[in-house]
Protein backbone atom coordinates (compact mmCIF):
# COMPACT_ATOMS: atom_id res chain seq x y z
CA MET A 1 0.00 0.00 0.00
CA GLN A 2 1.22 3.49 -0.77
CA SER A 3 1.84 5.76 2.17
CA PRO A 4 -1.25 6.99 4.03
CA GLY A 5 0.00 10.56 3.52
CA LYS A 6 0.02 10.18 -0.24
CA SER A 7 -3.46 8.59 -0.15
CA LEU A 8 -4.74 11.46 2.00
CA LYS A 9 -3.36 14.06 -0.39
CA GLU A 10 -4.93 12.27 -3.37
CA ALA A 11 -8.30 11.94 -1.59
CA LEU A 12 -8.28 15.62 -0.62
CA LEU A 13 -7.43 16.76 -4.14
CA CYS A 14 -10.09 14.50 -5.67
CA ALA A 15 -12.74 15.71 -3.21
CA GLN A 16 -11.71 19.32 -3.81
CA SER A 17 -12.02 18.94 -7.58
CA GLU A 18 -15.55 17.55 -7.08
CA ASP A 19 -16.54 20.23 -4.54
CA ARG A 20 -16.87 17.71 -1.70
CA LEU A 21 -14.59 19.39 0.84
CA THR A 22 -15.65 21.33 3.89
CA VAL A 23 -12.88 23.37 5.50
CA GLY A 24 -13.16 24.85 8.99
CA VAL A 25 -14.16 23.71 12.46
CA TYR A 26 -17.52 25.48 12.54
CA GLU A 27 -18.39 24.64 8.94
CA SER A 28 -17.56 20.98 9.58
CA ALA A 29 -19.63 20.88 12.76
CA LYS A 30 -22.58 22.34 10.83
CA ILE A 31 -22.32 19.65 8.11
CA MET A 32 -22.06 16.93 10.77
CA THR A 33 -25.15 18.27 12.48
CA ASP A 34 -27.24 18.98 9.37
CA ASP A 35 -26.27 16.12 7.06
CA LEU A 36 -24.35 13.42 8.94
CA ASP A 37 -24.90 10.75 6.28
CA SER A 38 -22.99 12.81 3.74
CA VAL A 39 -19.74 12.77 5.77
CA SER A 40 -17.18 10.20 4.66
CA PHE A 41 -13.87 11.24 6.25
CA CYS A 42 -12.50 13.76 8.76
CA VAL A 43 -9.04 15.32 9.00
CA LEU A 44 -7.95 17.26 12.09
CA ALA A 45 -4.83 19.41 11.86
CA VAL A 46 -2.79 20.61 14.80
CA ASP A 47 -0.07 23.21 15.01
CA GLU A 48 1.83 25.08 17.71
CA GLU A 49 -1.24 27.14 18.59
CA PHE A 50 -3.28 24.01 19.30
CA GLU A 51 -1.72 23.43 22.73
CA CYS A 52 -2.70 26.94 23.85
CA ASP A 53 -6.17 27.05 22.30
CA ILE A 54 -8.54 25.43 24.79
CA ALA A 55 -11.62 26.15 22.65
CA LEU A 56 -10.04 24.35 19.68
CA GLN A 57 -9.12 21.38 21.88
CA ILE A 58 -12.74 21.16 23.07
CA HIS A 59 -13.99 21.31 19.46
CA PHE A 60 -11.55 18.55 18.49
CA THR A 61 -12.74 16.37 21.37
CA LEU A 62 -16.37 16.85 20.34
CA ILE A 63 -15.64 16.22 16.64
CA GLN A 64 -13.65 13.08 17.47
CA SER A 65 -16.43 11.78 19.68
CA PHE A 66 -19.00 12.50 17.00
CA CYS A 67 -16.90 10.66 14.41
CA PHE A 68 -16.42 7.65 16.71
CA ASP A 69 -20.14 7.48 17.51
CA ASN A 70 -21.10 7.65 13.83
CA ASP A 71 -18.38 5.39 12.38
CA ILE A 72 -16.64 8.16 10.42
CA SER A 73 -12.94 7.59 9.75
CA ILE A 74 -10.75 10.27 11.24
CA VAL A 75 -7.04 11.11 11.11
CA ARG A 76 -4.80 13.81 12.47
CA VAL A 77 -2.06 15.69 10.63
CA SER A 78 0.61 17.71 12.37
CA ASP A 79 1.35 20.12 9.53
CA MET A 80 -1.66 22.41 9.30
CA GLN A 81 0.19 24.73 6.93
CA ARG A 82 0.74 21.88 4.45
CA LEU A 83 -2.90 20.82 4.73
CA ALA A 84 -3.97 24.41 4.09
CA GLU A 85 -1.73 24.52 1.01
CA ILE A 86 -3.49 21.44 -0.38
CA VAL A 87 -7.11 22.40 0.38
CA GLY A 88 -7.08 26.18 0.71
CA ASP A 89 -8.05 28.42 -2.13
CA LYS A 90 -9.28 31.34 -0.05
CA ALA A 91 -7.41 33.30 2.61
CA GLU A 92 -9.87 32.38 5.37
CA GLN A 93 -9.46 28.66 4.60
CA LEU A 94 -5.75 28.95 5.19
CA GLU A 95 -6.45 30.27 8.67
CA ASP A 96 -9.09 27.67 9.59
CA ALA A 97 -7.82 24.43 8.12
CA HIS A 98 -7.91 22.77 11.53
CA CYS A 99 -10.77 20.53 10.41
CA VAL A 100 -11.49 19.24 6.91
CA LEU A 101 -14.36 16.95 5.95
CA ILE A 102 -14.68 14.89 2.81
CA THR A 103 -18.31 14.30 1.93
CA ASN A 104 -19.90 11.70 -0.30
CA PRO A 105 -21.19 12.67 -3.73
CA ALA A 106 -24.88 13.43 -3.89
CA ASP A 107 -25.63 10.55 -6.25
CA GLY A 108 -23.65 7.98 -4.24
CA SER A 109 -22.19 6.44 -7.39
CA TRP A 110 -18.58 7.33 -6.81
CA GLU A 111 -15.64 5.48 -5.33
CA ASP A 112 -12.22 6.94 -4.63
CA PRO A 113 -9.42 4.34 -4.34
CA ALA A 114 -7.29 6.69 -2.22
CA LEU A 115 -10.16 7.23 0.22
CA GLU A 116 -10.79 3.49 0.40
CA LYS A 117 -7.12 2.98 1.32
CA LEU A 118 -7.49 5.59 4.05
CA HIS A 119 -10.58 3.87 5.45
CA LEU A 120 -8.64 0.58 5.58
CA PHE A 121 -5.71 2.35 7.24
CA CYS A 122 -8.04 3.80 9.89
CA GLU A 123 -9.72 0.44 10.44
CA GLU A 124 -6.34 -1.23 10.99
CA SER A 125 -5.25 1.59 13.32
CA ARG A 126 -8.40 1.15 15.43
CA ARG A 127 -7.60 -2.57 15.75
CA LEU A 128 -4.27 -1.49 17.22
CA ASN A 129 -6.05 0.93 19.60
CA ASP A 130 -4.84 3.98 17.70
CA TRP A 131 -8.19 5.74 17.41
CA VAL A 132 -6.99 8.92 15.71
CA PRO A 133 -3.86 7.95 13.77
CA GLU A 134 -1.48 10.68 12.73
CA ILE A 135 -0.52 10.96 9.08
CA SER A 136 2.33 12.95 7.59
CA LEU A 137 1.41 14.73 4.38
CA PRO A 138 3.98 14.45 1.61
CA LYS A 139 5.91 17.52 0.61
CA ARG A 140 5.17 18.99 -2.80
């Protein structure tokens, strides 16, 4: 299997090209609340500010719990700037790339091999009691 980081990058770029990405903690929480069945995958990004931002830590805990309760695969990346470079096309997205959701297509007819690999990676990680595995995104 190719590296989980490469699969994540491919899945993010595919979802972005199909307008199936939600970027931002509040935007992601809204999608999870309004249309839970559309959510396929969750990425949480941490940076130096994360340790000092209690509100963000609380949001992460709630999002993680929500994902666990609803069987949504979830990973963590430690390079928020790199994640923002991949998914951000607006200035505000670069500042709030702490949470990114990949949603399913409306017609349900699509499959993304990279996303399938990520789901398998997350499933294997959970078997090893690593509930939110950390993935390193590849450099350019």
